[in-house]
Amino acid sequence: TSEGKTVDKQYALKLLHDQAEELASKAPEGNKFSLAEKYFATQVTGEAYDEFLTSLLYDEITTVGTAAPASKL
């Protein structure tokens, strides 16, 4: 970085974790930022490269239930 910090695996994971925590703290209860962090960590570190994150996460992020009226969105 311009500050001289080496961007390695641990630093990248720390940045990901910090951002996930910050977003989760501002989101409604039941958000899935920690779940997203878990899946995205392997993409950030290069341990895995999935073609489509949406396919990887589909079963985890979709919710079965009644649709909310558009006025409630």
Protein backbone atom coordinates (compact mmCIF):
# COMPACT_ATOMS: atom_id res chain seq x y z
CA THR A 1 0.00 0.00 0.00
CA SER A 2 1.06 3.65 -0.14
CA GLU A 3 1.62 3.39 3.63
CA GLY A 4 4.06 0.50 3.15
CA LYS A 5 1.73 -2.26 4.36
CA THR A 6 2.22 -5.58 2.58
CA VAL A 7 -1.09 -7.01 1.40
CA ASP A 8 -0.93 -10.69 2.28
CA LYS A 9 -3.56 -13.32 3.02
CA GLN A 10 -3.96 -12.33 6.68
CA TYR A 11 -4.29 -8.63 5.89
CA ALA A 12 -6.85 -9.29 3.14
CA LEU A 13 -8.89 -11.46 5.51
CA LYS A 14 -8.70 -8.77 8.21
CA LEU A 15 -10.00 -6.14 5.76
CA LEU A 16 -12.82 -8.48 4.72
CA HIS A 17 -13.71 -9.20 8.35
CA ASP A 18 -13.64 -5.53 9.34
CA GLN A 19 -15.90 -4.56 6.44
CA ALA A 20 -18.34 -7.40 7.14
CA GLU A 21 -18.55 -6.36 10.81
CA GLU A 22 -19.09 -2.71 9.90
CA LEU A 23 -21.85 -3.52 7.41
CA ALA A 24 -23.51 -5.96 9.84
CA SER A 25 -23.52 -3.37 12.61
CA LYS A 26 -25.52 -0.99 10.39
CA ALA A 27 -27.89 -3.62 8.97
CA PRO A 28 -31.09 -5.05 10.42
CA GLU A 29 -30.89 -8.09 12.67
CA GLY A 30 -30.69 -11.35 10.76
CA ASN A 31 -28.44 -9.94 8.02
CA LYS A 32 -26.08 -12.32 6.28
CA PHE A 33 -22.84 -10.36 6.18
CA SER A 34 -20.95 -12.92 8.28
CA LEU A 35 -22.17 -15.67 5.97
CA ALA A 36 -21.02 -13.67 2.95
CA GLU A 37 -17.65 -13.16 4.64
CA LYS A 38 -17.29 -16.91 5.12
CA TYR A 39 -17.89 -17.66 1.44
CA PHE A 40 -16.01 -14.68 0.04
CA ALA A 41 -12.86 -15.38 2.09
CA THR A 42 -11.73 -18.20 -0.22
CA GLN A 43 -12.27 -15.92 -3.23
CA VAL A 44 -10.22 -13.10 -1.67
CA THR A 45 -7.31 -15.34 -0.72
CA GLY A 46 -7.25 -17.26 -3.99
CA GLU A 47 -7.98 -20.58 -2.32
CA ALA A 48 -10.94 -20.99 -4.65
CA TYR A 49 -12.38 -19.15 -7.59
CA ASP A 50 -16.01 -19.94 -8.21
CA GLU A 51 -17.44 -18.82 -11.53
CA PHE A 52 -20.63 -17.50 -10.00
CA LEU A 53 -20.87 -16.55 -6.34
CA THR A 54 -24.64 -16.45 -6.69
CA SER A 55 -24.66 -20.18 -7.52
CA LEU A 56 -22.37 -20.92 -4.59
CA LEU A 57 -24.54 -18.93 -2.17
CA TYR A 58 -28.01 -19.56 -3.60
CA ASP A 59 -29.24 -22.05 -0.98
CA GLU A 60 -27.85 -19.93 1.85
CA ILE A 61 -29.19 -16.54 0.79
CA THR A 62 -32.64 -17.33 -0.50
CA THR A 63 -35.51 -17.34 1.91
CA VAL A 64 -38.75 -19.20 1.48
CA GLY A 65 -41.75 -17.29 2.70
CA THR A 66 -44.53 -14.99 1.70
CA ALA A 67 -43.75 -12.19 -0.64
CA ALA A 68 -43.93 -8.73 0.87
CA PRO A 69 -46.17 -6.20 -0.86
CA ALA A 70 -44.22 -3.68 -2.93
CA SER A 71 -45.38 -0.91 -0.61
CA LYS A 72 -43.50 -2.61 2.26
CA LEU A 73 -40.16 -2.87 0.41
